[in-house]
PDB file of N, CA and C in Angstrom:
ATOM      1  N   ALA A   1     -27.081  70.183-126.897  1.00  0.00           N
ATOM      2  CA  ALA A   1     -25.672  69.972-126.577  1.00  0.00           C
ATOM      3  C   ALA A   1     -25.475  70.003-125.059  1.00  0.00           C
ATOM      4  N   GLY A   2     -26.189  70.895-124.378  1.00  0.00           N
ATOM      5  CA  GLY A   2     -26.067  71.000-122.921  1.00  0.00           C
ATOM      6  C   GLY A   2     -26.575  69.757-122.225  1.00  0.00           C
ATOM      7  N   ALA A   3     -27.677  69.207-122.743  1.00  0.00           N
ATOM      8  CA  ALA A   3     -28.240  67.997-122.142  1.00  0.00           C
ATOM      9  C   ALA A   3     -27.301  66.816-122.345  1.00  0.00           C
ATOM     10  N   GLU A   4     -26.688  66.739-123.506  1.00  0.00           N
ATOM     11  CA  GLU A   4     -25.756  65.644-123.791  1.00  0.00           C
ATOM     12  C   GLU A   4     -24.540  65.713-122.866  1.00  0.00           C
ATOM     13  N   ALA A   5     -24.058  66.925-122.624  1.00  0.00           N
ATOM     14  CA  ALA A   5     -22.914  67.095-121.730  1.00  0.00           C
ATOM     15  C   ALA A   5     -23.282  66.705-120.298  1.00  0.00           C
ATOM     16  N   SER A   6     -24.490  67.054-119.882  1.00  0.00           N
ATOM     17  CA  SER A   6     -24.947  66.699-118.537  1.00  0.00           C
ATOM     18  C   SER A   6     -25.075  65.190-118.388  1.00  0.00           C
ATOM     19  N   VAL A   7     -25.627  64.551-119.414  1.00  0.00           N
ATOM     20  CA  VAL A   7     -25.793  63.093-119.382  1.00  0.00           C
ATOM     21  C   VAL A   7     -24.423  62.423-119.357  1.00  0.00           C
ATOM     22  N   ALA A   8     -23.496  62.915-120.167  1.00  0.00           N
ATOM     23  CA  ALA A   8     -22.149  62.343-120.202  1.00  0.00           C
ATOM     24  C   ALA A   8     -21.458  62.496-118.848  1.00  0.00           C
ATOM     25  N   ALA A   9     -21.620  63.650-118.225  1.00  0.00           N
ATOM     26  CA  ALA A   9     -21.014  63.887-116.916  1.00  0.00           C
ATOM     27  C   ALA A   9     -21.630  62.967-115.860  1.00  0.00           C
ATOM     28  N   ALA A  10     -22.943  62.790-115.906  1.00  0.00           N
ATOM     29  CA  ALA A  10     -23.627  61.913-114.959  1.00  0.00           C
ATOM     30  C   ALA A  10     -23.170  60.467-115.139  1.00  0.00           C
ATOM     31  N   ARG A  11     -23.031  60.043-116.392  1.00  0.00           N
ATOM     32  CA  ARG A  11     -22.567  58.674-116.655  1.00  0.00           C
ATOM     33  C   ARG A  11     -21.148  58.469-116.146  1.00  0.00           C
ATOM     34  N   ALA A  12     -20.293  59.446-116.359  1.00  0.00           N
ATOM     35  CA  ALA A  12     -18.906  59.345-115.901  1.00  0.00           C
ATOM     36  C   ALA A  12     -18.851  59.247-114.379  1.00  0.00           C
ATOM     37  N   GLU A  13     -19.655  60.039-113.693  1.00  0.00           N
ATOM     38  CA  GLU A  13     -19.697  59.992-112.226  1.00  0.00           C
ATOM     39  C   GLU A  13     -20.227  58.641-111.742  1.00  0.00           C
ATOM     40  N   THR A  14     -21.252  58.150-112.412  1.00  0.00           N
ATOM     41  CA  THR A  14     -21.831  56.854-112.044  1.00  0.00           C
ATOM     42  C   THR A  14     -20.809  55.748-112.223  1.00  0.00           C
ATOM     43  N   ARG A  15     -20.108  55.737-113.362  1.00  0.00           N
ATOM     44  CA  ARG A  15     -19.078  54.728-113.608  1.00  0.00           C
ATOM     45  C   ARG A  15     -17.984  54.793-112.548  1.00  0.00           C
ATOM     46  N   SER A  16     -17.576  55.985-112.204  1.00  0.00           N
ATOM     47  CA  SER A  16     -16.527  56.165-111.199  1.00  0.00           C
ATOM     48  C   SER A  16     -16.978  55.622-109.840  1.00  0.00           C
ATOM     49  N   ALA A  17     -18.196  55.943-109.463  1.00  0.00           N
ATOM     50  CA  ALA A  17     -18.730  55.470-108.178  1.00  0.00           C
ATOM     51  C   ALA A  17     -18.861  53.948-108.176  1.00  0.00           C
ATOM     52  N   LEU A  18     -19.341  53.391-109.272  1.00  0.00           N
ATOM     53  CA  LEU A  18     -19.500  51.945-109.362  1.00  0.00           C
ATOM     54  C   LEU A  18     -18.147  51.238-109.344  1.00  0.00           C
ATOM     55  N   ARG A  19     -17.164  51.802-110.029  1.00  0.00           N
ATOM     56  CA  ARG A  19     -15.830  51.213-110.051  1.00  0.00           C
ATOM     57  C   ARG A  19     -15.236  51.212-108.644  1.00  0.00           C
ATOM     58  N   SER A  20     -15.414  52.304-107.935  1.00  0.00           N
ATOM     59  CA  SER A  20     -14.916  52.400-106.563  1.00  0.00           C
ATOM     60  C   SER A  20     -15.597  51.355-105.673  1.00  0.00           C
ATOM     61  N   MET A  21     -16.896  51.214-105.798  1.00  0.00           N
ATOM     62  CA  MET A  21     -17.646  50.238-105.008  1.00  0.00           C
ATOM     63  C   MET A  21     -17.228  48.817-105.380  1.00  0.00           C
ATOM     64  N   GLU A  22     -17.038  48.558-106.662  1.00  0.00           N
ATOM     65  CA  GLU A  22     -16.617  47.233-107.117  1.00  0.00           C
ATOM     66  C   GLU A  22     -15.245  46.875-106.531  1.00  0.00           C
ATOM     67  N   ASN A  23     -14.324  47.822-106.534  1.00  0.00           N
ATOM     68  CA  ASN A  23     -12.999  47.578-105.965  1.00  0.00           C
ATOM     69  C   ASN A  23     -13.087  47.287-104.473  1.00  0.00           C
ATOM     70  N   ARG A  24     -13.930  48.007-103.780  1.00  0.00           N
ATOM     71  CA  ARG A  24     -14.099  47.796-102.335  1.00  0.00           C
ATOM     72  C   ARG A  24     -14.679  46.416-102.049  1.00  0.00           C
ATOM     73  N   ILE A  25     -15.704  46.037-102.806  1.00  0.00           N
ATOM     74  CA  ILE A  25     -16.320  44.715-102.628  1.00  0.00           C
ATOM     75  C   ILE A  25     -15.323  43.615-102.946  1.00  0.00           C
ATOM     76  N   THR A  26     -14.520  43.802-103.984  1.00  0.00           N
ATOM     77  CA  THR A  26     -13.511  42.810-104.352  1.00  0.00           C
ATOM     78  C   THR A  26     -12.512  42.613-103.222  1.00  0.00           C
ATOM     79  N   LYS A  27     -12.066  43.698-102.605  1.00  0.00           N
ATOM     80  CA  LYS A  27     -11.126  43.596-101.487  1.00  0.00           C
ATOM     81  C   LYS A  27     -11.757  42.882-100.297  1.00  0.00           C
ATOM     82  N   ILE A  28     -13.011  43.196-100.005  1.00  0.00           N
ATOM     83  CA  ILE A  28     -13.713  42.543 -98.896  1.00  0.00           C
ATOM     84  C   ILE A  28     -13.854  41.051 -99.162  1.00  0.00           C
ATOM     85  N   LEU A  29     -14.225  40.686-100.393  1.00  0.00           N
ATOM     86  CA  LEU A  29     -14.366  39.272-100.741  1.00  0.00           C
ATOM     87  C   LEU A  29     -13.035  38.538-100.648  1.00  0.00           C
ATOM     88  N   ALA A  30     -11.965  39.176-101.091  1.00  0.00           N
ATOM     89  CA  ALA A  30     -10.642  38.546-101.020  1.00  0.00           C
ATOM     90  C   ALA A  30     -10.261  38.261 -99.571  1.00  0.00           C
ATOM     91  N   LYS A  31     -10.517  39.208 -98.686  1.00  0.00           N
ATOM     92  CA  LYS A  31     -10.220  39.006 -97.265  1.00  0.00           C
ATOM     93  C   LYS A  31     -11.093  37.898 -96.682  1.00  0.00           C
ATOM     94  N   SER A  32     -12.359  37.882 -97.068  1.00  0.00           N
ATOM     95  CA  SER A  32     -13.282  36.874 -96.566  1.00  0.00           C
ATOM     96  C   SER A  32     -12.878  35.479 -97.037  1.00  0.00           C
ATOM     97  N   ILE A  33     -12.469  35.361 -98.280  1.00  0.00           N
ATOM     98  CA  ILE A  33     -12.045  34.064 -98.812  1.00  0.00           C
ATOM     99  C   ILE A  33     -10.795  33.585 -98.083  1.00  0.00           C
ATOM    100  N   GLY A  34      -9.868  34.493 -97.842  1.00  0.00           N
ATOM    101  CA  GLY A  34      -8.660  34.128 -97.111  1.00  0.00           C
ATOM    102  C   GLY A  34      -8.973  33.650 -95.705  1.00  0.00           C
ATOM    103  N   ALA A  35      -9.863  34.357 -95.030  1.00  0.00           N
ATOM    104  CA  ALA A  35     -10.253  33.968 -93.671  1.00  0.00           C
ATOM    105  C   ALA A  35     -10.976  32.624 -93.678  1.00  0.00           C
ATOM    106  N   SER A  36     -11.819  32.407 -94.659  1.00  0.00           N
ATOM    107  CA  SER A  36     -12.538  31.134 -94.758  1.00  0.00           C
ATOM    108  C   SER A  36     -11.580  29.978 -95.002  1.00  0.00           C
ATOM    109  N   ALA A  37     -10.611  30.195 -95.873  1.00  0.00           N
ATOM    110  CA  ALA A  37      -9.635  29.142 -96.166  1.00  0.00           C
ATOM    111  C   ALA A  37      -8.814  28.810 -94.923  1.00  0.00           C
ATOM    112  N   ALA A  38      -8.399  29.836 -94.186  1.00  0.00           N
ATOM    113  CA  ALA A  38      -7.628  29.602 -92.959  1.00  0.00           C
ATOM    114  C   ALA A  38      -8.476  28.843 -91.947  1.00  0.00           C
ATOM    115  N   ASN A  39      -9.740  29.224 -91.808  1.00  0.00           N
ATOM    116  CA  ASN A  39     -10.637  28.548 -90.879  1.00  0.00           C
ATOM    117  C   ASN A  39     -10.827  27.088 -91.269  1.00  0.00           C
ATOM    118  N   MET A  40     -11.009  26.844 -92.557  1.00  0.00           N
ATOM    119  CA  MET A  40     -11.185  25.474 -93.030  1.00  0.00           C
ATOM    120  C   MET A  40      -9.938  24.644 -92.712  1.00  0.00           C
ATOM    121  N   TYR A  41      -8.773  25.193 -93.001  1.00  0.00           N
ATOM    122  CA  TYR A  41      -7.527  24.471 -92.749  1.00  0.00           C
ATOM    123  C   TYR A  41      -7.382  24.148 -91.265  1.00  0.00           C
ATOM    124  N   LEU A  42      -7.627  25.144 -90.421  1.00  0.00           N
ATOM    125  CA  LEU A  42      -7.498  24.919 -88.977  1.00  0.00           C
ATOM    126  C   LEU A  42      -8.507  23.887 -88.477  1.00  0.00           C
ATOM    127  N   SER A  43      -9.709  23.929 -89.011  1.00  0.00           N
ATOM    128  CA  SER A  43     -10.728  22.960 -88.606  1.00  0.00           C
ATOM    129  C   SER A  43     -10.311  21.548 -88.978  1.00  0.00           C
ATOM    130  N   VAL A  44      -9.820  21.390 -90.192  1.00  0.00           N
ATOM    131  CA  VAL A  44      -9.377  20.059 -90.632  1.00  0.00           C
ATOM    132  C   VAL A  44      -8.215  19.581 -89.767  1.00  0.00           C
ATOM    133  N   GLN A  45      -7.290  20.482 -89.430  1.00  0.00           N
ATOM    134  CA  GLN A  45      -6.159  20.103 -88.579  1.00  0.00           C
ATOM    135  C   GLN A  45      -6.633  19.680 -87.194  1.00  0.00           C
ATOM    136  N   CYS A  46      -7.606  20.394 -86.648  1.00  0.00           N
ATOM    137  CA  CYS A  46      -8.135  20.041 -85.320  1.00  0.00           C
ATOM    138  C   CYS A  46      -8.830  18.687 -85.348  1.00  0.00           C
ATOM    139  N   ILE A  47      -9.609  18.453 -86.383  1.00  0.00           N
ATOM    140  CA  ILE A  47     -10.313  17.169 -86.510  1.00  0.00           C
ATOM    141  C   ILE A  47      -9.302  16.041 -86.637  1.00  0.00           C
ATOM    142  N   ALA A  48      -8.306  16.242 -87.503  1.00  0.00           N
ATOM    143  CA  ALA A  48      -7.293  15.208 -87.709  1.00  0.00           C
ATOM    144  C   ALA A  48      -6.470  15.008 -86.423  1.00  0.00           C
ATOM    145  N   GLY A  49      -6.169  16.121 -85.738  1.00  0.00           N
ATOM    146  CA  GLY A  49      -5.393  16.036 -84.500  1.00  0.00           C
ATOM    147  C   GLY A  49      -6.130  15.299 -83.403  1.00  0.00           C
ATOM    148  N   ALA A  50      -7.424  15.485 -83.361  1.00  0.00           N
ATOM    149  CA  ALA A  50      -8.230  14.796 -82.352  1.00  0.00           C
ATOM    150  C   ALA A  50      -8.332  13.310 -82.674  1.00  0.00           C
ATOM    151  N   ASN A  51      -8.083  12.989 -83.950  1.00  0.00           N
ATOM    152  CA  ASN A  51      -8.062  11.606 -84.412  1.00  0.00           C
ATOM    153  C   ASN A  51      -9.353  10.863 -84.084  1.00  0.00           C
ATOM    154  N   LYS A  52     -10.437  11.610 -84.045  1.00  0.00           N
ATOM    155  CA  LYS A  52     -11.720  10.998 -83.733  1.00  0.00           C
ATOM    156  C   LYS A  52     -12.466  10.567 -84.989  1.00  0.00           C
ATOM    157  N   ARG A  53     -12.237  11.305 -86.059  1.00  0.00           N
ATOM    158  CA  ARG A  53     -12.956  11.030 -87.302  1.00  0.00           C
ATOM    159  C   ARG A  53     -12.032  11.281 -88.473  1.00  0.00           C
ATOM    160  N   ASP A  54     -12.444  10.776 -89.618  1.00  0.00           N
ATOM    161  CA  ASP A  54     -11.721  11.069 -90.856  1.00  0.00           C
ATOM    162  C   ASP A  54     -11.961  12.542 -91.183  1.00  0.00           C
ATOM    163  N   ALA A  55     -10.904  13.326 -91.239  1.00  0.00           N
ATOM    164  CA  ALA A  55     -11.029  14.773 -91.444  1.00  0.00           C
ATOM    165  C   ALA A  55     -11.697  15.101 -92.774  1.00  0.00           C
ATOM    166  N   ALA A  56     -11.359  14.389 -93.833  1.00  0.00           N
ATOM    167  CA  ALA A  56     -11.928  14.686 -95.156  1.00  0.00           C
ATOM    168  C   ALA A  56     -13.441  14.451 -95.162  1.00  0.00           C
ATOM    169  N   LYS A  57     -13.879  13.341 -94.588  1.00  0.00           N
ATOM    170  CA  LYS A  57     -15.316  13.046 -94.532  1.00  0.00           C
ATOM    171  C   LYS A  57     -16.049  14.064 -93.671  1.00  0.00           C
ATOM    172  N   THR A  58     -15.457  14.425 -92.549  1.00  0.00           N
ATOM    173  CA  THR A  58     -16.074  15.404 -91.653  1.00  0.00           C
ATOM    174  C   THR A  58     -16.167  16.760 -92.337  1.00  0.00           C
ATOM    175  N   HIS A  59     -15.121  17.138 -93.038  1.00  0.00           N
ATOM    176  CA  HIS A  59     -15.127  18.410 -93.764  1.00  0.00           C
ATOM    177  C   HIS A  59     -16.214  18.413 -94.845  1.00  0.00           C
ATOM    178  N   GLN A  60     -16.335  17.340 -95.605  1.00  0.00           N
ATOM    179  CA  GLN A  60     -17.351  17.262 -96.660  1.00  0.00           C
ATOM    180  C   GLN A  60     -18.751  17.339 -96.057  1.00  0.00           C
ATOM    181  N   ARG A  61     -18.966  16.652 -94.950  1.00  0.00           N
ATOM    182  CA  ARG A  61     -20.277  16.694 -94.281  1.00  0.00           C
ATOM    183  C   ARG A  61     -20.591  18.115 -93.811  1.00  0.00           C
ATOM    184  N   ALA A  62     -19.584  18.798 -93.292  1.00  0.00           N
ATOM    185  CA  ALA A  62     -19.777  20.176 -92.832  1.00  0.00           C
ATOM    186  C   ALA A  62     -20.136  21.087 -94.004  1.00  0.00           C
ATOM    187  N   ARG A  63     -19.518  20.882 -95.152  1.00  0.00           N
ATOM    188  CA  ARG A  63     -19.843  21.696 -96.328  1.00  0.00           C
ATOM    189  C   ARG A  63     -21.289  21.479 -96.761  1.00  0.00           C
ATOM    190  N   VAL A  64     -21.717  20.226 -96.764  1.00  0.00           N
ATOM    191  CA  VAL A  64     -23.102  19.909 -97.137  1.00  0.00           C
ATOM    192  C   VAL A  64     -24.068  20.580 -96.170  1.00  0.00           C
ATOM    193  N   MET A  65     -23.766  20.507 -94.880  1.00  0.00           N
ATOM    194  CA  MET A  65     -24.632  21.126 -93.877  1.00  0.00           C
ATOM    195  C   MET A  65     -24.646  22.649 -94.020  1.00  0.00           C
ATOM    196  N   ALA A  66     -23.504  23.235 -94.367  1.00  0.00           N
ATOM    197  CA  ALA A  66     -23.441  24.687 -94.560  1.00  0.00           C
ATOM    198  C   ALA A  66     -24.308  25.110 -95.741  1.00  0.00           C
ATOM    199  N   VAL A  67     -24.272  24.352 -96.822  1.00  0.00           N
ATOM    200  CA  VAL A  67     -25.102  24.674 -97.989  1.00  0.00           C
ATOM    201  C   VAL A  67     -26.580  24.584 -97.623  1.00  0.00           C
ATOM    202  N   GLU A  68     -26.953  23.547 -96.893  1.00  0.00           N
ATOM    203  CA  GLU A  68     -28.347  23.403 -96.460  1.00  0.00           C
ATOM    204  C   GLU A  68     -28.764  24.585 -95.592  1.00  0.00           C
ATOM    205  N   TYR A  69     -27.891  24.994 -94.682  1.00  0.00           N
ATOM    206  CA  TYR A  69     -28.182  26.130 -93.810  1.00  0.00           C
ATOM    207  C   TYR A  69     -28.395  27.397 -94.624  1.00  0.00           C
ATOM    208  N   LEU A  70     -27.505  27.653 -95.587  1.00  0.00           N
ATOM    209  CA  LEU A  70     -27.626  28.858 -96.414  1.00  0.00           C
ATOM    210  C   LEU A  70     -28.901  28.842 -97.256  1.00  0.00           C
ATOM    211  N   LYS A  71     -29.286  27.670 -97.742  1.00  0.00           N
ATOM    212  CA  LYS A  71     -30.537  27.562 -98.503  1.00  0.00           C
ATOM    213  C   LYS A  71     -31.727  27.909 -97.614  1.00  0.00           C
ATOM    214  N   GLN A  72     -31.718  27.408 -96.386  1.00  0.00           N
ATOM    215  CA  GLN A  72     -32.809  27.698 -95.461  1.00  0.00           C
ATOM    216  C   GLN A  72     -32.877  29.182 -95.150  1.00  0.00           C
ATOM    217  N   GLN A  73     -31.726  29.803 -94.971  1.00  0.00           N
ATOM    218  CA  GLN A  73     -31.702  31.238 -94.687  1.00  0.00           C
ATOM    219  C   GLN A  73     -32.235  32.023 -95.885  1.00  0.00           C
ATOM    220  N   GLY A  74     -31.895  31.589 -97.096  1.00  0.00           N
ATOM    221  CA  GLY A  74     -32.382  32.244 -98.303  1.00  0.00           C
ATOM    222  C   GLY A  74     -33.877  32.121 -98.466  1.00  0.00           C
ATOM    223  N   GLU A  75     -34.425  30.982 -98.047  1.00  0.00           N
ATOM    224  CA  GLU A  75     -35.868  30.771 -98.140  1.00  0.00           C
ATOM    225  C   GLU A  75     -36.622  31.650 -97.145  1.00  0.00           C
ATOM    226  N   ARG A  76     -36.002  31.988 -96.041  1.00  0.00           N
ATOM    227  CA  ARG A  76     -36.653  32.811 -95.016  1.00  0.00           C
ATOM    228  C   ARG A  76     -36.756  34.262 -95.445  1.00  0.00           C
ATOM    229  N   GLU A  77     -35.880  34.686 -96.329  1.00  0.00           N
ATOM    230  CA  GLU A  77     -35.866  36.102 -96.739  1.00  0.00           C
ATOM    231  C   GLU A  77     -36.922  36.408 -97.764  1.00  0.00           C
TER     232      GLU A  77
END
């Protein structure tokens, strides 16, 4: 009975710690997504304002290049 109580207490503490960490990560991701969206919008506005290139095509090309960059970084690890 004592071992079961200890295991139950350990599980409860673990769940609590994980829930706290999950909430923190969720908040960080939400802030990061918001910042990324704002950056994307501003970049598209700057490209369109400069009137040098089609903003949509430039944005799509940048996304493709970003994915390639992230893949390369993942391969290095």
